[in-house]
Amino acid sequence: MQNLNTNFSFTVDFSDVELRKQRLDLVEGYYTVKITEAYINADRNANRVIFKLAFQGDFEGNSKLTGLNLPGTTQKDVRGLWMNLMLSAGYTLEQLKSGSIEITPAALVNRDACLYFRPKDEEATDGDLMYDKFNFLTPSNFASSKANFEARKQTTGSKAVTTAQPAAGFASPNVSSADLLNMVKG
């Protein structure tokens, strides 16, 4: 049996509370974020640094987690991804190319960064579309990529499409490979 108290009372002062902005859903685009946390969760993956990103501007109030594998822990050379992150967070190429550098949470937390973001496709069943996509960009690449993206959106009159689409009338992007095979056979 639940013990529900429907006869409660308390006092609260709202005089210094700011109204929360309505959070806008994140859509594909180019964003400025603040890195608010950087950590390794050894229980999940001791070779991956997780970043908590707080979106700024019109999308303030949204936050997302992303991560990068530590260099040397995978077959893929991820140093370029780390260099883009560091450049995005305000470091200069000269600082990064001066030899081996130490990267710590303090080097990234509370820094602004710029990135391309594509939300996951809720209906995707496999592939990259199942996950949010984050690409940290250098400030100059951010500015030009954002301008190109915005121009494409205006010329198409809607959200710019960056993924390959099937030929019209053939199959939607959410068709499974088994269903697609049956369509071709039948």
C-alpha atoms as a PDB file:
ATOM      1  CA  MET A   1       0.000   0.000   0.000  1.00  0.00           C
ATOM      2  CA  GLN A   2       1.360   3.421  -0.964  1.00  0.00           C
ATOM      3  CA  ASN A   3       1.656   6.111   1.663  1.00  0.00           C
ATOM      4  CA  LEU A   4       0.589   9.232  -0.273  1.00  0.00           C
ATOM      5  CA  ASN A   5       0.421  12.523   1.616  1.00  0.00           C
ATOM      6  CA  THR A   6      -2.090  14.735  -0.183  1.00  0.00           C
ATOM      7  CA  ASN A   7      -2.326  17.170   2.704  1.00  0.00           C
ATOM      8  CA  PHE A   8       1.130  18.793   2.518  1.00  0.00           C
ATOM      9  CA  SER A   9       2.126  22.428   2.941  1.00  0.00           C
ATOM     10  CA  PHE A  10       5.405  24.377   2.642  1.00  0.00           C
ATOM     11  CA  THR A  11       6.638  27.941   2.146  1.00  0.00           C
ATOM     12  CA  VAL A  12       8.835  29.039  -0.760  1.00  0.00           C
ATOM     13  CA  ASP A  13      10.223  32.375  -2.005  1.00  0.00           C
ATOM     14  CA  PHE A  14      10.288  32.724  -5.828  1.00  0.00           C
ATOM     15  CA  SER A  15      11.325  36.397  -5.873  1.00  0.00           C
ATOM     16  CA  ASP A  16      14.871  35.712  -7.139  1.00  0.00           C
ATOM     17  CA  VAL A  17      14.099  32.747  -9.424  1.00  0.00           C
ATOM     18  CA  GLU A  18      14.502  33.320 -13.162  1.00  0.00           C
ATOM     19  CA  LEU A  19      12.031  31.735 -15.536  1.00  0.00           C
ATOM     20  CA  ARG A  20      13.570  28.909 -17.457  1.00  0.00           C
ATOM     21  CA  LYS A  21      13.755  29.373 -21.195  1.00  0.00           C
ATOM     22  CA  GLN A  22      11.824  26.821 -23.166  1.00  0.00           C
ATOM     23  CA  ARG A  23      14.371  24.414 -24.498  1.00  0.00           C
ATOM     24  CA  LEU A  24      14.432  24.075 -28.273  1.00  0.00           C
ATOM     25  CA  ASP A  25      15.045  20.645 -29.715  1.00  0.00           C
ATOM     26  CA  LEU A  26      18.480  20.292 -31.224  1.00  0.00           C
ATOM     27  CA  VAL A  27      18.465  19.898 -34.991  1.00  0.00           C
ATOM     28  CA  GLU A  28      21.261  19.272 -37.445  1.00  0.00           C
ATOM     29  CA  GLY A  29      23.511  22.281 -37.566  1.00  0.00           C
ATOM     30  CA  TYR A  30      26.533  24.166 -36.317  1.00  0.00           C
ATOM     31  CA  TYR A  31      26.692  25.130 -32.651  1.00  0.00           C
ATOM     32  CA  THR A  32      28.836  26.812 -30.049  1.00  0.00           C
ATOM     33  CA  VAL A  33      29.033  24.829 -26.826  1.00  0.00           C
ATOM     34  CA  LYS A  34      30.738  25.095 -23.478  1.00  0.00           C
ATOM     35  CA  ILE A  35      32.618  22.024 -22.283  1.00  0.00           C
ATOM     36  CA  THR A  36      31.315  21.651 -18.721  1.00  0.00           C
ATOM     37  CA  GLU A  37      32.796  18.275 -17.796  1.00  0.00           C
ATOM     38  CA  ALA A  38      35.588  16.004 -19.002  1.00  0.00           C
ATOM     39  CA  TYR A  39      36.138  12.616 -17.415  1.00  0.00           C
ATOM     40  CA  ILE A  40      36.938   8.956 -17.963  1.00  0.00           C
ATOM     41  CA  ASN A  41      34.371   6.482 -16.667  1.00  0.00           C
ATOM     42  CA  ALA A  42      36.608   3.475 -16.047  1.00  0.00           C
ATOM     43  CA  ASP A  43      33.570   1.282 -15.352  1.00  0.00           C
ATOM     44  CA  ARG A  44      32.364   1.754 -18.933  1.00  0.00           C
ATOM     45  CA  ASN A  45      35.526   2.420 -20.988  1.00  0.00           C
ATOM     46  CA  ALA A  46      38.869   3.370 -19.443  1.00  0.00           C
ATOM     47  CA  ASN A  47      40.151   4.415 -22.890  1.00  0.00           C
ATOM     48  CA  ARG A  48      37.525   7.069 -23.656  1.00  0.00           C
ATOM     49  CA  VAL A  49      37.217  10.637 -22.418  1.00  0.00           C
ATOM     50  CA  ILE A  50      33.604  11.785 -22.047  1.00  0.00           C
ATOM     51  CA  PHE A  51      32.686  15.443 -22.511  1.00  0.00           C
ATOM     52  CA  LYS A  52      29.510  17.095 -21.319  1.00  0.00           C
ATOM     53  CA  LEU A  53      28.609  19.916 -23.679  1.00  0.00           C
ATOM     54  CA  ALA A  54      26.240  22.779 -22.825  1.00  0.00           C
ATOM     55  CA  PHE A  55      24.767  24.315 -25.972  1.00  0.00           C
ATOM     56  CA  GLN A  56      24.733  28.107 -26.155  1.00  0.00           C
ATOM     57  CA  GLY A  57      22.638  30.773 -27.855  1.00  0.00           C
ATOM     58  CA  ASP A  58      19.091  29.863 -28.853  1.00  0.00           C
ATOM     59  CA  PHE A  59      19.705  26.280 -27.734  1.00  0.00           C
ATOM     60  CA  GLU A  60      20.806  27.134 -24.203  1.00  0.00           C
ATOM     61  CA  GLY A  61      19.526  24.567 -21.733  1.00  0.00           C
ATOM     62  CA  ASN A  62      20.399  21.615 -23.955  1.00  0.00           C
ATOM     63  CA  SER A  63      23.326  19.440 -23.017  1.00  0.00           C
ATOM     64  CA  LYS A  64      24.784  16.335 -24.588  1.00  0.00           C
ATOM     65  CA  LEU A  65      27.534  13.849 -23.875  1.00  0.00           C
ATOM     66  CA  THR A  66      30.106  12.790 -26.423  1.00  0.00           C
ATOM     67  CA  GLY A  67      33.543  11.282 -26.184  1.00  0.00           C
ATOM     68  CA  LEU A  68      36.852  10.599 -27.832  1.00  0.00           C
ATOM     69  CA  ASN A  69      39.049   7.547 -27.476  1.00  0.00           C
ATOM     70  CA  LEU A  70      42.494   8.135 -26.040  1.00  0.00           C
ATOM     71  CA  PRO A  71      45.244   8.257 -28.677  1.00  0.00           C
ATOM     72  CA  GLY A  72      46.977   4.911 -29.046  1.00  0.00           C
ATOM     73  CA  THR A  73      44.124   2.848 -27.597  1.00  0.00           C
ATOM     74  CA  THR A  74      42.475   1.904 -30.908  1.00  0.00           C
ATOM     75  CA  GLN A  75      43.667   0.914 -34.358  1.00  0.00           C
ATOM     76  CA  LYS A  76      42.374   4.239 -35.658  1.00  0.00           C
ATOM     77  CA  ASP A  77      44.668   7.240 -35.224  1.00  0.00           C
ATOM     78  CA  VAL A  78      42.427   9.664 -33.320  1.00  0.00           C
ATOM     79  CA  ARG A  79      45.014  12.400 -32.825  1.00  0.00           C
ATOM     80  CA  GLY A  80      43.412  14.475 -35.595  1.00  0.00           C
ATOM     81  CA  LEU A  81      40.084  14.377 -33.754  1.00  0.00           C
ATOM     82  CA  TRP A  82      41.818  15.499 -30.566  1.00  0.00           C
ATOM     83  CA  MET A  83      43.647  18.264 -32.438  1.00  0.00           C
ATOM     84  CA  ASN A  84      40.330  19.529 -33.873  1.00  0.00           C
ATOM     85  CA  LEU A  85      38.847  19.510 -30.369  1.00  0.00           C
ATOM     86  CA  MET A  86      41.777  21.486 -28.968  1.00  0.00           C
ATOM     87  CA  LEU A  87      41.703  23.998 -31.861  1.00  0.00           C
ATOM     88  CA  SER A  88      37.936  24.290 -31.466  1.00  0.00           C
ATOM     89  CA  ALA A  89      38.450  25.039 -27.763  1.00  0.00           C
ATOM     90  CA  GLY A  90      40.731  27.982 -28.539  1.00  0.00           C
ATOM     91  CA  TYR A  91      44.218  26.538 -28.640  1.00  0.00           C
ATOM     92  CA  THR A  92      46.488  27.588 -31.500  1.00  0.00           C
ATOM     93  CA  LEU A  93      48.197  25.322 -33.979  1.00  0.00           C
ATOM     94  CA  GLU A  94      51.536  26.637 -32.702  1.00  0.00           C
ATOM     95  CA  GLN A  95      50.652  25.531 -29.155  1.00  0.00           C
ATOM     96  CA  LEU A  96      49.628  22.087 -30.354  1.00  0.00           C
ATOM     97  CA  LYS A  97      52.549  21.535 -32.744  1.00  0.00           C
ATOM     98  CA  SER A  98      55.201  22.403 -30.142  1.00  0.00           C
ATOM     99  CA  GLY A  99      55.816  18.722 -29.333  1.00  0.00           C
ATOM    100  CA  SER A 100      54.095  16.450 -26.850  1.00  0.00           C
ATOM    101  CA  ILE A 101      51.481  18.238 -24.771  1.00  0.00           C
ATOM    102  CA  GLU A 102      49.541  17.094 -21.741  1.00  0.00           C
ATOM    103  CA  ILE A 103      45.768  17.186 -21.986  1.00  0.00           C
ATOM    104  CA  THR A 104      43.844  17.300 -18.723  1.00  0.00           C
ATOM    105  CA  PRO A 105      40.239  18.106 -17.848  1.00  0.00           C
ATOM    106  CA  ALA A 106      41.406  21.556 -16.709  1.00  0.00           C
ATOM    107  CA  ALA A 107      42.679  22.223 -20.247  1.00  0.00           C
ATOM    108  CA  LEU A 108      39.145  21.820 -21.645  1.00  0.00           C
ATOM    109  CA  VAL A 109      36.487  22.384 -18.965  1.00  0.00           C
ATOM    110  CA  ASN A 110      34.822  25.820 -19.108  1.00  0.00           C
ATOM    111  CA  ARG A 111      36.107  26.443 -22.628  1.00  0.00           C
ATOM    112  CA  ASP A 112      33.862  27.265 -25.556  1.00  0.00           C
ATOM    113  CA  ALA A 113      34.087  25.021 -28.596  1.00  0.00           C
ATOM    114  CA  CYS A 114      32.408  24.903 -31.990  1.00  0.00           C
ATOM    115  CA  LEU A 115      31.016  21.828 -33.655  1.00  0.00           C
ATOM    116  CA  TYR A 116      28.726  20.272 -36.209  1.00  0.00           C
ATOM    117  CA  PHE A 117      25.921  18.222 -34.647  1.00  0.00           C
ATOM    118  CA  ARG A 118      23.483  15.805 -36.237  1.00  0.00           C
ATOM    119  CA  PRO A 119      20.912  14.180 -33.924  1.00  0.00           C
ATOM    120  CA  LYS A 120      20.401  10.455 -34.073  1.00  0.00           C
ATOM    121  CA  ASP A 121      17.582   9.102 -36.192  1.00  0.00           C
ATOM    122  CA  GLU A 122      15.120   7.586 -33.723  1.00  0.00           C
ATOM    123  CA  GLU A 123      13.965   5.106 -36.379  1.00  0.00           C
ATOM    124  CA  ALA A 124      17.407   3.929 -37.500  1.00  0.00           C
ATOM    125  CA  THR A 125      18.209   0.311 -36.724  1.00  0.00           C
ATOM    126  CA  ASP A 126      21.865   0.193 -37.663  1.00  0.00           C
ATOM    127  CA  GLY A 127      24.743   2.375 -38.811  1.00  0.00           C
ATOM    128  CA  ASP A 128      25.892   5.866 -37.930  1.00  0.00           C
ATOM    129  CA  LEU A 129      22.381   7.304 -37.973  1.00  0.00           C
ATOM    130  CA  MET A 130      21.609   5.449 -34.707  1.00  0.00           C
ATOM    131  CA  TYR A 131      23.872   7.833 -32.806  1.00  0.00           C
ATOM    132  CA  ASP A 132      24.252  11.566 -32.388  1.00  0.00           C
ATOM    133  CA  LYS A 133      27.129  12.830 -34.515  1.00  0.00           C
ATOM    134  CA  PHE A 134      29.574  15.423 -33.192  1.00  0.00           C
ATOM    135  CA  ASN A 135      32.417  16.922 -35.237  1.00  0.00           C
ATOM    136  CA  PHE A 136      34.572  19.484 -33.457  1.00  0.00           C
ATOM    137  CA  LEU A 137      35.710  22.104 -35.935  1.00  0.00           C
ATOM    138  CA  THR A 138      38.455  24.682 -36.040  1.00  0.00           C
ATOM    139  CA  PRO A 139      37.041  28.222 -35.797  1.00  0.00           C
ATOM    140  CA  SER A 140      37.747  28.939 -39.483  1.00  0.00           C
ATOM    141  CA  ASN A 141      36.212  25.629 -40.635  1.00  0.00           C
ATOM    142  CA  PHE A 142      33.236  26.269 -38.351  1.00  0.00           C
ATOM    143  CA  ALA A 143      32.534  29.686 -39.903  1.00  0.00           C
ATOM    144  CA  SER A 144      32.756  28.515 -43.521  1.00  0.00           C
ATOM    145  CA  SER A 145      30.914  25.218 -42.938  1.00  0.00           C
ATOM    146  CA  LYS A 146      28.115  26.965 -41.059  1.00  0.00           C
ATOM    147  CA  ALA A 147      27.756  29.563 -43.830  1.00  0.00           C
ATOM    148  CA  ASN A 148      27.590  26.823 -46.502  1.00  0.00           C
ATOM    149  CA  PHE A 149      25.086  24.841 -44.450  1.00  0.00           C
ATOM    150  CA  GLU A 150      22.846  27.878 -43.930  1.00  0.00           C
ATOM    151  CA  ALA A 151      23.028  28.738 -47.640  1.00  0.00           C
ATOM    152  CA  ARG A 152      22.010  25.169 -48.591  1.00  0.00           C
ATOM    153  CA  LYS A 153      19.095  25.326 -46.146  1.00  0.00           C
ATOM    154  CA  GLN A 154      17.853  28.542 -47.737  1.00  0.00           C
ATOM    155  CA  THR A 155      18.131  27.259 -51.301  1.00  0.00           C
ATOM    156  CA  THR A 156      16.297  24.030 -50.464  1.00  0.00           C
ATOM    157  CA  GLY A 157      13.750  25.803 -48.279  1.00  0.00           C
ATOM    158  CA  SER A 158      14.175  23.265 -45.489  1.00  0.00           C
ATOM    159  CA  LYS A 159      16.730  21.431 -43.444  1.00  0.00           C
ATOM    160  CA  ALA A 160      19.808  20.672 -45.502  1.00  0.00           C
ATOM    161  CA  VAL A 161      20.221  16.998 -46.238  1.00  0.00           C
ATOM    162  CA  THR A 162      23.733  15.714 -45.697  1.00  0.00           C
ATOM    163  CA  THR A 163      23.153  11.979 -46.042  1.00  0.00           C
ATOM    164  CA  ALA A 164      22.625  10.034 -49.227  1.00  0.00           C
ATOM    165  CA  GLN A 165      18.972   9.520 -50.038  1.00  0.00           C
ATOM    166  CA  PRO A 166      17.512   6.690 -52.109  1.00  0.00           C
ATOM    167  CA  ALA A 167      16.137   7.400 -55.531  1.00  0.00           C
ATOM    168  CA  ALA A 168      12.605   8.764 -55.364  1.00  0.00           C
ATOM    169  CA  GLY A 169       9.998   6.033 -55.230  1.00  0.00           C
ATOM    170  CA  PHE A 170      12.416   3.218 -54.551  1.00  0.00           C
ATOM    171  CA  ALA A 171      12.785   2.871 -50.763  1.00  0.00           C
ATOM    172  CA  SER A 172      12.795   5.059 -47.719  1.00  0.00           C
ATOM    173  CA  PRO A 173      16.012   5.397 -45.701  1.00  0.00           C
ATOM    174  CA  ASN A 174      14.460   3.350 -42.865  1.00  0.00           C
ATOM    175  CA  VAL A 175      13.849   0.169 -44.895  1.00  0.00           C
ATOM    176  CA  SER A 176      15.753  -2.792 -43.458  1.00  0.00           C
ATOM    177  CA  SER A 177      18.164  -4.715 -45.640  1.00  0.00           C
ATOM    178  CA  ALA A 178      15.875  -7.793 -45.481  1.00  0.00           C
ATOM    179  CA  ASP A 179      12.868  -5.755 -46.661  1.00  0.00           C
ATOM    180  CA  LEU A 180      14.965  -4.138 -49.361  1.00  0.00           C
ATOM    181  CA  LEU A 181      16.105  -7.567 -50.575  1.00  0.00           C
ATOM    182  CA  ASN A 182      12.476  -8.744 -50.693  1.00  0.00           C
ATOM    183  CA  MET A 183      11.520  -5.622 -52.707  1.00  0.00           C
ATOM    184  CA  VAL A 184      14.236  -6.348 -55.258  1.00  0.00           C
ATOM    185  CA  LYS A 185      13.366 -10.047 -55.513  1.00  0.00           C
ATOM    186  CA  GLY A 186       9.639  -9.599 -55.683  1.00  0.00           C
END
